[in-house]
C-alpha atoms as a PDB file:
ATOM      1  CA  MET A   1      76.588-117.757 -58.917  1.00  0.00           C
ATOM      2  CA  LYS A   2      80.245-118.796 -58.732  1.00  0.00           C
ATOM      3  CA  GLU A   3      80.024-119.114 -54.949  1.00  0.00           C
ATOM      4  CA  LEU A   4      77.595-122.005 -55.468  1.00  0.00           C
ATOM      5  CA  LEU A   5      80.395-124.018 -57.031  1.00  0.00           C
ATOM      6  CA  TYR A   6      82.271-123.870 -53.751  1.00  0.00           C
ATOM      7  CA  LEU A   7      79.581-124.934 -51.290  1.00  0.00           C
ATOM      8  CA  LYS A   8      81.035-126.448 -48.163  1.00  0.00           C
ATOM      9  CA  ASP A   9      79.642-129.562 -46.490  1.00  0.00           C
ATOM     10  CA  ASP A  10      78.260-127.441 -43.653  1.00  0.00           C
ATOM     11  CA  GLN A  11      76.335-125.305 -46.152  1.00  0.00           C
ATOM     12  CA  LEU A  12      74.942-128.407 -47.857  1.00  0.00           C
ATOM     13  CA  LYS A  13      73.940-129.871 -44.467  1.00  0.00           C
ATOM     14  CA  GLU A  14      72.146-126.619 -43.668  1.00  0.00           C
ATOM     15  CA  PHE A  15      70.356-126.718 -47.033  1.00  0.00           C
ATOM     16  CA  ILE A  16      69.265-130.319 -46.471  1.00  0.00           C
ATOM     17  CA  GLU A  17      68.007-129.376 -43.010  1.00  0.00           C
ATOM     18  CA  LYS A  18      66.005-126.487 -44.472  1.00  0.00           C
ATOM     19  CA  ILE A  19      64.414-128.794 -47.059  1.00  0.00           C
ATOM     20  CA  SER A  20      63.531-131.234 -44.292  1.00  0.00           C
ATOM     21  CA  LEU A  21      62.094-128.522 -42.039  1.00  0.00           C
ATOM     22  CA  SER A  22      60.065-126.944 -44.831  1.00  0.00           C
ATOM     23  CA  TYR A  23      58.632-130.364 -45.683  1.00  0.00           C
ATOM     24  CA  ARG A  24      57.814-131.019 -42.025  1.00  0.00           C
ATOM     25  CA  GLU A  25      56.140-127.649 -41.521  1.00  0.00           C
ATOM     26  CA  THR A  26      54.146-127.790 -44.734  1.00  0.00           C
ATOM     27  CA  PHE A  27      52.814-131.239 -43.924  1.00  0.00           C
ATOM     28  CA  SER A  28      52.244-130.538 -40.234  1.00  0.00           C
ATOM     29  CA  ASP A  29      50.001-127.587 -41.125  1.00  0.00           C
ATOM     30  CA  ALA A  30      47.316-130.091 -42.077  1.00  0.00           C
ATOM     31  CA  LYS A  31      47.628-132.202 -38.912  1.00  0.00           C
ATOM     32  CA  ASN A  32      44.243-131.104 -37.517  1.00  0.00           C
ATOM     33  CA  VAL A  33      42.490-132.117 -40.745  1.00  0.00           C
ATOM     34  CA  LEU A  34      44.276-135.471 -40.756  1.00  0.00           C
ATOM     35  CA  ASP A  35      43.463-136.079 -37.092  1.00  0.00           C
ATOM     36  CA  LYS A  36      39.804-135.241 -37.710  1.00  0.00           C
ATOM     37  CA  HIS A  37      39.632-138.051 -40.265  1.00  0.00           C
ATOM     38  CA  SER A  38      41.971-140.401 -38.314  1.00  0.00           C
ATOM     39  CA  ILE A  39      44.545-140.514 -41.099  1.00  0.00           C
ATOM     40  CA  GLY A  40      48.218-139.589 -41.338  1.00  0.00           C
ATOM     41  CA  ILE A  41      50.859-138.212 -43.671  1.00  0.00           C
ATOM     42  CA  ALA A  42      50.984-141.405 -45.770  1.00  0.00           C
ATOM     43  CA  HIS A  43      47.264-140.964 -46.466  1.00  0.00           C
ATOM     44  CA  GLN A  44      47.826-137.303 -47.232  1.00  0.00           C
ATOM     45  CA  LYS A  45      50.469-138.192 -49.832  1.00  0.00           C
ATOM     46  CA  VAL A  46      48.111-140.627 -51.547  1.00  0.00           C
ATOM     47  CA  ILE A  47      45.254-138.117 -51.460  1.00  0.00           C
ATOM     48  CA  HIS A  48      47.518-135.477 -52.992  1.00  0.00           C
ATOM     49  CA  LEU A  49      48.592-137.806 -55.801  1.00  0.00           C
ATOM     50  CA  LEU A  50      45.014-138.872 -56.478  1.00  0.00           C
ATOM     51  CA  SER A  51      44.038-135.219 -56.798  1.00  0.00           C
ATOM     52  CA  SER A  52      46.827-134.626 -59.312  1.00  0.00           C
ATOM     53  CA  TYR A  53      46.520-137.879 -61.271  1.00  0.00           C
ATOM     54  CA  GLU A  54      42.836-138.751 -61.510  1.00  0.00           C
ATOM     55  CA  GLY A  55      42.353-142.397 -62.358  1.00  0.00           C
ATOM     56  CA  ILE A  56      45.932-143.384 -61.629  1.00  0.00           C
ATOM     57  CA  THR A  57      46.483-147.139 -61.486  1.00  0.00           C
ATOM     58  CA  ILE A  58      47.742-148.960 -58.413  1.00  0.00           C
ATOM     59  CA  SER A  59      51.065-149.753 -60.116  1.00  0.00           C
ATOM     60  CA  GLU A  60      51.543-146.101 -61.104  1.00  0.00           C
ATOM     61  CA  LEU A  61      50.815-145.074 -57.506  1.00  0.00           C
ATOM     62  CA  LEU A  62      53.425-147.537 -56.266  1.00  0.00           C
ATOM     63  CA  LYS A  63      56.018-146.079 -58.652  1.00  0.00           C
ATOM     64  CA  LYS A  64      55.293-142.493 -57.651  1.00  0.00           C
ATOM     65  CA  LEU A  65      55.266-143.182 -53.925  1.00  0.00           C
ATOM     66  CA  LYS A  66      58.169-145.654 -53.966  1.00  0.00           C
ATOM     67  CA  VAL A  67      56.531-147.783 -51.276  1.00  0.00           C
ATOM     68  CA  THR A  68      55.711-151.468 -50.943  1.00  0.00           C
ATOM     69  CA  LYS A  69      52.404-152.949 -52.030  1.00  0.00           C
ATOM     70  CA  GLN A  70      51.730-153.766 -48.392  1.00  0.00           C
ATOM     71  CA  SER A  71      52.184-150.132 -47.292  1.00  0.00           C
ATOM     72  CA  LEU A  72      50.025-148.784 -50.097  1.00  0.00           C
ATOM     73  CA  ASN A  73      47.376-151.410 -49.446  1.00  0.00           C
ATOM     74  CA  ARG A  74      47.150-150.379 -45.782  1.00  0.00           C
ATOM     75  CA  VAL A  75      46.674-146.733 -46.748  1.00  0.00           C
ATOM     76  CA  LEU A  76      44.101-147.540 -49.432  1.00  0.00           C
ATOM     77  CA  LYS A  77      42.134-149.723 -46.998  1.00  0.00           C
ATOM     78  CA  ASP A  78      42.028-146.817 -44.538  1.00  0.00           C
ATOM     79  CA  LEU A  79      40.846-144.446 -47.271  1.00  0.00           C
ATOM     80  CA  ILE A  80      38.140-146.938 -48.253  1.00  0.00           C
ATOM     81  CA  LYS A  81      37.128-147.201 -44.598  1.00  0.00           C
ATOM     82  CA  ILE A  82      36.551-143.428 -44.367  1.00  0.00           C
ATOM     83  CA  ASP A  83      34.860-143.471 -47.791  1.00  0.00           C
ATOM     84  CA  ALA A  84      37.350-141.128 -49.495  1.00  0.00           C
ATOM     85  CA  ILE A  85      38.228-143.088 -52.648  1.00  0.00           C
ATOM     86  CA  LYS A  86      36.642-145.173 -55.353  1.00  0.00           C
ATOM     87  CA  PHE A  87      37.981-147.684 -57.846  1.00  0.00           C
ATOM     88  CA  GLU A  88      37.028-148.312 -61.450  1.00  0.00           C
ATOM     89  CA  LYS A  89      38.170-151.220 -63.574  1.00  0.00           C
ATOM     90  CA  ASP A  90      39.930-150.431 -66.807  1.00  0.00           C
ATOM     91  CA  VAL A  91      37.697-150.751 -69.851  1.00  0.00           C
ATOM     92  CA  LYS A  92      40.317-152.569 -71.946  1.00  0.00           C
ATOM     93  CA  ASP A  93      42.132-154.521 -69.225  1.00  0.00           C
ATOM     94  CA  THR A  94      39.899-155.444 -66.298  1.00  0.00           C
ATOM     95  CA  ARG A  95      42.935-156.467 -64.213  1.00  0.00           C
ATOM     96  CA  LEU A  96      43.813-152.786 -63.890  1.00  0.00           C
ATOM     97  CA  LYS A  97      42.105-150.660 -61.268  1.00  0.00           C
ATOM     98  CA  HIS A  98      41.972-146.893 -61.516  1.00  0.00           C
ATOM     99  CA  VAL A  99      41.773-144.969 -58.257  1.00  0.00           C
ATOM    100  CA  TYR A 100      39.846-141.732 -57.801  1.00  0.00           C
ATOM    101  CA  LEU A 101      38.994-139.432 -54.947  1.00  0.00           C
ATOM    102  CA  ASN A 102      35.252-139.423 -54.436  1.00  0.00           C
ATOM    103  CA  GLU A 103      33.323-136.406 -53.161  1.00  0.00           C
ATOM    104  CA  LYS A 104      34.475-136.872 -49.557  1.00  0.00           C
ATOM    105  CA  GLY A 105      38.068-137.470 -50.685  1.00  0.00           C
ATOM    106  CA  LEU A 106      38.011-134.264 -52.716  1.00  0.00           C
ATOM    107  CA  LYS A 107      36.673-132.390 -49.704  1.00  0.00           C
ATOM    108  CA  ILE A 108      39.507-133.725 -47.506  1.00  0.00           C
ATOM    109  CA  PHE A 109      42.035-132.767 -50.190  1.00  0.00           C
ATOM    110  CA  ASP A 110      40.592-129.250 -50.424  1.00  0.00           C
ATOM    111  CA  GLU A 111      40.823-128.815 -46.642  1.00  0.00           C
ATOM    112  CA  ILE A 112      44.455-129.936 -46.596  1.00  0.00           C
ATOM    113  CA  PHE A 113      45.431-127.987 -49.703  1.00  0.00           C
ATOM    114  CA  SER A 114      43.900-124.710 -48.538  1.00  0.00           C
ATOM    115  CA  ILE A 115      45.937-124.902 -45.317  1.00  0.00           C
ATOM    116  CA  GLN A 116      49.191-125.788 -47.081  1.00  0.00           C
ATOM    117  CA  LYS A 117      48.584-123.226 -49.784  1.00  0.00           C
ATOM    118  CA  LYS A 118      48.627-120.417 -47.222  1.00  0.00           C
ATOM    119  CA  ARG A 119      52.199-121.197 -46.111  1.00  0.00           C
ATOM    120  CA  ILE A 120      53.532-121.627 -49.645  1.00  0.00           C
ATOM    121  CA  TYR A 121      51.659-118.603 -50.990  1.00  0.00           C
ATOM    122  CA  LYS A 122      52.979-116.399 -48.166  1.00  0.00           C
ATOM    123  CA  ALA A 123      56.556-117.540 -48.809  1.00  0.00           C
ATOM    124  CA  LEU A 124      56.232-116.913 -52.542  1.00  0.00           C
ATOM    125  CA  LEU A 125      54.656-113.475 -52.005  1.00  0.00           C
ATOM    126  CA  ASN A 126      57.592-112.519 -49.806  1.00  0.00           C
ATOM    127  CA  SER A 127      60.075-113.547 -52.501  1.00  0.00           C
ATOM    128  CA  ASN A 128      61.024-111.800 -55.682  1.00  0.00           C
ATOM    129  CA  ALA A 129      60.411-113.319 -59.112  1.00  0.00           C
ATOM    130  CA  LYS A 130      64.025-114.414 -59.521  1.00  0.00           C
ATOM    131  CA  GLU A 131      64.018-116.255 -56.171  1.00  0.00           C
ATOM    132  CA  VAL A 132      60.802-118.054 -57.050  1.00  0.00           C
ATOM    133  CA  LEU A 133      62.048-119.041 -60.496  1.00  0.00           C
ATOM    134  CA  TYR A 134      65.423-120.301 -59.277  1.00  0.00           C
ATOM    135  CA  PHE A 135      63.912-122.052 -56.273  1.00  0.00           C
ATOM    136  CA  SER A 136      61.555-123.959 -58.533  1.00  0.00           C
ATOM    137  CA  LYS A 137      64.376-124.898 -60.887  1.00  0.00           C
ATOM    138  CA  VAL A 138      66.576-126.112 -58.029  1.00  0.00           C
ATOM    139  CA  LEU A 139      63.741-128.206 -56.568  1.00  0.00           C
ATOM    140  CA  ASN A 140      63.072-129.763 -59.970  1.00  0.00           C
ATOM    141  CA  LYS A 141      66.729-130.673 -60.296  1.00  0.00           C
ATOM    142  CA  ILE A 142      66.730-132.255 -56.831  1.00  0.00           C
ATOM    143  CA  ILE A 143      63.612-134.262 -57.718  1.00  0.00           C
ATOM    144  CA  ASP A 144      64.945-135.423 -61.092  1.00  0.00           C
ATOM    145  CA  GLU A 145      68.275-136.646 -59.723  1.00  0.00           C
END
């Protein structure tokens, strides 16, 4: 572990490149599904979040995605157009809208997830328990920075 304290810039650049490439490959796996529905990676990110946070509000979505209202609005309009999401007003505060994947949205998510799961599952199966544990911890630390 001591060698990690002495990482050179070239090693860090290589690590950043690997993160970028793994992201690209994982998301490109679902390209055929996205193309079939005429949506892109931005839509895929929203669909993924909606699957994880059922009933998330628009403002919570904006915080998680770190995008502008205009960008999110464009994506949501596209998802409405393909009939993948539904909105429900908050019972206590009717100004708040909760967003959900409807049946079609869940189906699209399942198609995307099953493709991405194969790549991740294969990588994890070909790793030992220590690698998986440390990899997860490192990713969490990168995310929480």
